[in-house]
Amino acid sequence: MPIGWTTGLCHQSSAAIEIAAAWYRAHFATCEHPVIPALRKRFGLTPLQAIAVLREAQR
């Protein structure tokens, strides 16, 4: 990784992603669909953050 490389996500954003991912892992069976808009609405996320939630939830 080059020096100064960033994901474009701040620490506050990362915390929101972790919280949303934990919620999604616990509620994936009952989460409304489509999932990305549902996560965005529930947690106030950007589209990229909502995608990051799904990635984090799969870990």
PDB file of N, CA and C in Angstrom:
ATOM      1  N   MET A   1       0.833  -1.175   0.000  1.00  0.00           N
ATOM      2  CA  MET A   1       0.000   0.000   0.000  1.00  0.00           C
ATOM      3  C   MET A   1       0.879   1.239   0.000  1.00  0.00           C
ATOM      4  N   PRO A   2       0.575   2.201  -0.833  1.00  0.00           N
ATOM      5  CA  PRO A   2       1.370   3.426  -0.840  1.00  0.00           C
ATOM      6  C   PRO A   2       1.171   4.210   0.453  1.00  0.00           C
ATOM      7  N   ILE A   3       2.168   4.970   0.815  1.00  0.00           N
ATOM      8  CA  ILE A   3       2.054   5.831   1.983  1.00  0.00           C
ATOM      9  C   ILE A   3       0.952   6.843   1.721  1.00  0.00           C
ATOM     10  N   GLY A   4       0.125   7.039   2.728  1.00  0.00           N
ATOM     11  CA  GLY A   4      -0.979   7.984   2.580  1.00  0.00           C
ATOM     12  C   GLY A   4      -2.226   7.356   1.982  1.00  0.00           C
ATOM     13  N   TRP A   5      -2.156   6.048   1.677  1.00  0.00           N
ATOM     14  CA  TRP A   5      -3.336   5.374   1.123  1.00  0.00           C
ATOM     15  C   TRP A   5      -4.425   5.335   2.171  1.00  0.00           C
ATOM     16  N   THR A   6      -5.665   5.499   1.758  1.00  0.00           N
ATOM     17  CA  THR A   6      -6.790   5.484   2.686  1.00  0.00           C
ATOM     18  C   THR A   6      -7.970   4.768   2.067  1.00  0.00           C
ATOM     19  N   THR A   7      -8.827   4.252   2.910  1.00  0.00           N
ATOM     20  CA  THR A   7     -10.053   3.608   2.447  1.00  0.00           C
ATOM     21  C   THR A   7     -11.119   4.646   2.152  1.00  0.00           C
ATOM     22  N   GLY A   8     -10.904   5.864   2.598  1.00  0.00           N
ATOM     23  CA  GLY A   8     -11.910   6.898   2.430  1.00  0.00           C
ATOM     24  C   GLY A   8     -12.931   6.890   3.553  1.00  0.00           C
ATOM     25  N   LEU A   9     -12.738   6.010   4.534  1.00  0.00           N
ATOM     26  CA  LEU A   9     -13.657   5.919   5.650  1.00  0.00           C
ATOM     27  C   LEU A   9     -12.976   6.450   6.906  1.00  0.00           C
ATOM     28  N   CYS A  10     -13.669   7.284   7.657  1.00  0.00           N
ATOM     29  CA  CYS A  10     -13.102   7.817   8.891  1.00  0.00           C
ATOM     30  C   CYS A  10     -13.400   6.861  10.050  1.00  0.00           C
ATOM     31  N   HIS A  11     -12.831   7.131  11.206  1.00  0.00           N
ATOM     32  CA  HIS A  11     -13.038   6.268  12.373  1.00  0.00           C
ATOM     33  C   HIS A  11     -14.497   6.229  12.785  1.00  0.00           C
ATOM     34  N   GLN A  12     -15.167   7.362  12.722  1.00  0.00           N
ATOM     35  CA  GLN A  12     -16.586   7.420  13.075  1.00  0.00           C
ATOM     36  C   GLN A  12     -17.383   6.551  12.119  1.00  0.00           C
ATOM     37  N   SER A  13     -17.056   6.620  10.843  1.00  0.00           N
ATOM     38  CA  SER A  13     -17.725   5.814   9.836  1.00  0.00           C
ATOM     39  C   SER A  13     -17.473   4.332  10.090  1.00  0.00           C
ATOM     40  N   SER A  14     -16.235   3.988  10.449  1.00  0.00           N
ATOM     41  CA  SER A  14     -15.887   2.599  10.730  1.00  0.00           C
ATOM     42  C   SER A  14     -16.690   2.061  11.907  1.00  0.00           C
ATOM     43  N   ALA A  15     -16.882   2.879  12.923  1.00  0.00           N
ATOM     44  CA  ALA A  15     -17.671   2.460  14.076  1.00  0.00           C
ATOM     45  C   ALA A  15     -19.121   2.213  13.670  1.00  0.00           C
ATOM     46  N   ALA A  16     -19.671   3.089  12.836  1.00  0.00           N
ATOM     47  CA  ALA A  16     -21.037   2.912  12.369  1.00  0.00           C
ATOM     48  C   ALA A  16     -21.170   1.626  11.552  1.00  0.00           C
ATOM     49  N   ILE A  17     -20.168   1.325  10.757  1.00  0.00           N
ATOM     50  CA  ILE A  17     -20.171   0.107   9.947  1.00  0.00           C
ATOM     51  C   ILE A  17     -20.135  -1.120  10.852  1.00  0.00           C
ATOM     52  N   GLU A  18     -19.302  -1.086  11.882  1.00  0.00           N
ATOM     53  CA  GLU A  18     -19.218  -2.220  12.805  1.00  0.00           C
ATOM     54  C   GLU A  18     -20.538  -2.438  13.539  1.00  0.00           C
ATOM     55  N   ILE A  19     -21.171  -1.366  13.966  1.00  0.00           N
ATOM     56  CA  ILE A  19     -22.462  -1.457  14.659  1.00  0.00           C
ATOM     57  C   ILE A  19     -23.518  -2.025  13.722  1.00  0.00           C
ATOM     58  N   ALA A  20     -23.575  -1.503  12.507  1.00  0.00           N
ATOM     59  CA  ALA A  20     -24.556  -1.976  11.536  1.00  0.00           C
ATOM     60  C   ALA A  20     -24.297  -3.430  11.148  1.00  0.00           C
ATOM     61  N   ALA A  21     -23.034  -3.812  11.028  1.00  0.00           N
ATOM     62  CA  ALA A  21     -22.695  -5.196  10.683  1.00  0.00           C
ATOM     63  C   ALA A  21     -23.129  -6.148  11.793  1.00  0.00           C
ATOM     64  N   ALA A  22     -22.926  -5.752  13.043  1.00  0.00           N
ATOM     65  CA  ALA A  22     -23.360  -6.581  14.171  1.00  0.00           C
ATOM     66  C   ALA A  22     -24.876  -6.736  14.148  1.00  0.00           C
ATOM     67  N   TRP A  23     -25.573  -5.637  13.874  1.00  0.00           N
ATOM     68  CA  TRP A  23     -27.039  -5.702  13.790  1.00  0.00           C
ATOM     69  C   TRP A  23     -27.455  -6.622  12.651  1.00  0.00           C
ATOM     70  N   TYR A  24     -26.816  -6.484  11.493  1.00  0.00           N
ATOM     71  CA  TYR A  24     -27.183  -7.292  10.331  1.00  0.00           C
ATOM     72  C   TYR A  24     -26.928  -8.783  10.585  1.00  0.00           C
ATOM     73  N   ARG A  25     -25.805  -9.112  11.230  1.00  0.00           N
ATOM     74  CA  ARG A  25     -25.533 -10.522  11.549  1.00  0.00           C
ATOM     75  C   ARG A  25     -26.645 -11.100  12.430  1.00  0.00           C
ATOM     76  N   ALA A  26     -27.132 -10.300  13.365  1.00  0.00           N
ATOM     77  CA  ALA A  26     -28.174 -10.767  14.282  1.00  0.00           C
ATOM     78  C   ALA A  26     -29.566 -10.794  13.648  1.00  0.00           C
ATOM     79  N   HIS A  27     -29.772 -10.001  12.580  1.00  0.00           N
ATOM     80  CA  HIS A  27     -31.116  -9.844  12.015  1.00  0.00           C
ATOM     81  C   HIS A  27     -31.199 -10.129  10.511  1.00  0.00           C
ATOM     82  N   PHE A  28     -30.191 -10.783   9.945  1.00  0.00           N
ATOM     83  CA  PHE A  28     -30.174 -10.945   8.497  1.00  0.00           C
ATOM     84  C   PHE A  28     -31.406 -11.675   7.971  1.00  0.00           C
ATOM     85  N   ALA A  29     -31.957 -12.588   8.744  1.00  0.00           N
ATOM     86  CA  ALA A  29     -33.116 -13.358   8.280  1.00  0.00           C
ATOM     87  C   ALA A  29     -34.382 -12.503   8.205  1.00  0.00           C
ATOM     88  N   THR A  30     -34.439 -11.450   9.006  1.00  0.00           N
ATOM     89  CA  THR A  30     -35.637 -10.618   9.035  1.00  0.00           C
ATOM     90  C   THR A  30     -35.416  -9.219   8.473  1.00  0.00           C
ATOM     91  N   CYS A  31     -34.205  -8.933   8.005  1.00  0.00           N
ATOM     92  CA  CYS A  31     -33.912  -7.612   7.434  1.00  0.00           C
ATOM     93  C   CYS A  31     -34.728  -7.414   6.167  1.00  0.00           C
ATOM     94  N   GLU A  32     -35.344  -6.247   6.068  1.00  0.00           N
ATOM     95  CA  GLU A  32     -36.143  -5.953   4.887  1.00  0.00           C
ATOM     96  C   GLU A  32     -35.253  -5.916   3.635  1.00  0.00           C
ATOM     97  N   HIS A  33     -35.873  -6.121   2.497  1.00  0.00           N
ATOM     98  CA  HIS A  33     -35.166  -6.128   1.210  1.00  0.00           C
ATOM     99  C   HIS A  33     -35.692  -5.008   0.337  1.00  0.00           C
ATOM    100  N   PRO A  34     -34.887  -4.492  -0.543  1.00  0.00           N
ATOM    101  CA  PRO A  34     -33.475  -4.760  -0.758  1.00  0.00           C
ATOM    102  C   PRO A  34     -32.643  -4.297   0.435  1.00  0.00           C
ATOM    103  N   VAL A  35     -31.596  -5.044   0.708  1.00  0.00           N
ATOM    104  CA  VAL A  35     -30.818  -4.867   1.928  1.00  0.00           C
ATOM    105  C   VAL A  35     -30.059  -3.543   1.974  1.00  0.00           C
ATOM    106  N   ILE A  36     -29.411  -3.162   0.881  1.00  0.00           N
ATOM    107  CA  ILE A  36     -28.606  -1.923   0.885  1.00  0.00           C
ATOM    108  C   ILE A  36     -29.463  -0.711   1.258  1.00  0.00           C
ATOM    109  N   PRO A  37     -30.594  -0.479   0.582  1.00  0.00           N
ATOM    110  CA  PRO A  37     -31.427   0.665   0.991  1.00  0.00           C
ATOM    111  C   PRO A  37     -31.944   0.538   2.428  1.00  0.00           C
ATOM    112  N   ALA A  38     -32.230  -0.687   2.864  1.00  0.00           N
ATOM    113  CA  ALA A  38     -32.717  -0.880   4.236  1.00  0.00           C
ATOM    114  C   ALA A  38     -31.648  -0.491   5.249  1.00  0.00           C
ATOM    115  N   LEU A  39     -30.404  -0.912   5.011  1.00  0.00           N
ATOM    116  CA  LEU A  39     -29.318  -0.546   5.919  1.00  0.00           C
ATOM    117  C   LEU A  39     -29.057   0.950   5.894  1.00  0.00           C
ATOM    118  N   ARG A  40     -29.111   1.540   4.711  1.00  0.00           N
ATOM    119  CA  ARG A  40     -28.893   2.987   4.597  1.00  0.00           C
ATOM    120  C   ARG A  40     -29.925   3.749   5.410  1.00  0.00           C
ATOM    121  N   LYS A  41     -31.178   3.343   5.283  1.00  0.00           N
ATOM    122  CA  LYS A  41     -32.247   4.035   5.991  1.00  0.00           C
ATOM    123  C   LYS A  41     -32.128   3.834   7.500  1.00  0.00           C
ATOM    124  N   ARG A  42     -31.898   2.606   7.936  1.00  0.00           N
ATOM    125  CA  ARG A  42     -31.850   2.289   9.359  1.00  0.00           C
ATOM    126  C   ARG A  42     -30.671   2.959  10.064  1.00  0.00           C
ATOM    127  N   PHE A  43     -29.508   3.009   9.399  1.00  0.00           N
ATOM    128  CA  PHE A  43     -28.299   3.494  10.053  1.00  0.00           C
ATOM    129  C   PHE A  43     -27.762   4.805   9.479  1.00  0.00           C
ATOM    130  N   GLY A  44     -28.427   5.387   8.485  1.00  0.00           N
ATOM    131  CA  GLY A  44     -27.974   6.657   7.909  1.00  0.00           C
ATOM    132  C   GLY A  44     -26.651   6.522   7.174  1.00  0.00           C
ATOM    133  N   LEU A  45     -26.482   5.443   6.434  1.00  0.00           N
ATOM    134  CA  LEU A  45     -25.220   5.159   5.756  1.00  0.00           C
ATOM    135  C   LEU A  45     -25.225   5.646   4.308  1.00  0.00           C
ATOM    136  N   THR A  46     -24.035   5.819   3.776  1.00  0.00           N
ATOM    137  CA  THR A  46     -23.882   6.065   2.345  1.00  0.00           C
ATOM    138  C   THR A  46     -23.953   4.710   1.641  1.00  0.00           C
ATOM    139  N   PRO A  47     -24.099   4.704   0.312  1.00  0.00           N
ATOM    140  CA  PRO A  47     -24.098   3.423  -0.400  1.00  0.00           C
ATOM    141  C   PRO A  47     -22.815   2.611  -0.158  1.00  0.00           C
ATOM    142  N   LEU A  48     -21.662   3.273  -0.169  1.00  0.00           N
ATOM    143  CA  LEU A  48     -20.405   2.561   0.056  1.00  0.00           C
ATOM    144  C   LEU A  48     -20.313   2.007   1.475  1.00  0.00           C
ATOM    145  N   GLN A  49     -20.819   2.736   2.437  1.00  0.00           N
ATOM    146  CA  GLN A  49     -20.815   2.253   3.813  1.00  0.00           C
ATOM    147  C   GLN A  49     -21.721   1.026   3.956  1.00  0.00           C
ATOM    148  N   ALA A  50     -22.875   1.048   3.300  1.00  0.00           N
ATOM    149  CA  ALA A  50     -23.798  -0.094   3.372  1.00  0.00           C
ATOM    150  C   ALA A  50     -23.156  -1.343   2.762  1.00  0.00           C
ATOM    151  N   ILE A  51     -22.416  -1.176   1.688  1.00  0.00           N
ATOM    152  CA  ILE A  51     -21.704  -2.302   1.088  1.00  0.00           C
ATOM    153  C   ILE A  51     -20.634  -2.807   2.061  1.00  0.00           C
ATOM    154  N   ALA A  52     -19.953  -1.884   2.711  1.00  0.00           N
ATOM    155  CA  ALA A  52     -18.936  -2.261   3.696  1.00  0.00           C
ATOM    156  C   ALA A  52     -19.555  -3.042   4.847  1.00  0.00           C
ATOM    157  N   VAL A  53     -20.788  -2.706   5.221  1.00  0.00           N
ATOM    158  CA  VAL A  53     -21.491  -3.437   6.274  1.00  0.00           C
ATOM    159  C   VAL A  53     -21.649  -4.895   5.869  1.00  0.00           C
ATOM    160  N   LEU A  54     -22.076  -5.133   4.643  1.00  0.00           N
ATOM    161  CA  LEU A  54     -22.258  -6.514   4.188  1.00  0.00           C
ATOM    162  C   LEU A  54     -20.934  -7.270   4.167  1.00  0.00           C
ATOM    163  N   ARG A  55     -19.891  -6.612   3.755  1.00  0.00           N
ATOM    164  CA  ARG A  55     -18.569  -7.245   3.753  1.00  0.00           C
ATOM    165  C   ARG A  55     -18.128  -7.584   5.175  1.00  0.00           C
ATOM    166  N   GLU A  56     -18.299  -6.631   6.074  1.00  0.00           N
ATOM    167  CA  GLU A  56     -17.907  -6.844   7.476  1.00  0.00           C
ATOM    168  C   GLU A  56     -18.745  -7.948   8.106  1.00  0.00           C
ATOM    169  N   ALA A  57     -20.015  -7.997   7.795  1.00  0.00           N
ATOM    170  CA  ALA A  57     -20.911  -9.007   8.385  1.00  0.00           C
ATOM    171  C   ALA A  57     -20.529 -10.414   7.952  1.00  0.00           C
ATOM    172  N   GLN A  58     -19.874 -10.559   6.806  1.00  0.00           N
ATOM    173  CA  GLN A  58     -19.479 -11.873   6.324  1.00  0.00           C
ATOM    174  C   GLN A  58     -18.188 -12.375   6.960  1.00  0.00           C
ATOM    175  N   ARG A  59     -17.481 -11.540   7.655  1.00  0.00           N
ATOM    176  CA  ARG A  59     -16.207 -11.943   8.282  1.00  0.00           C
ATOM    177  C   ARG A  59     -16.444 -12.849   9.451  1.00  0.00           C
TER     178      ARG A  59
END
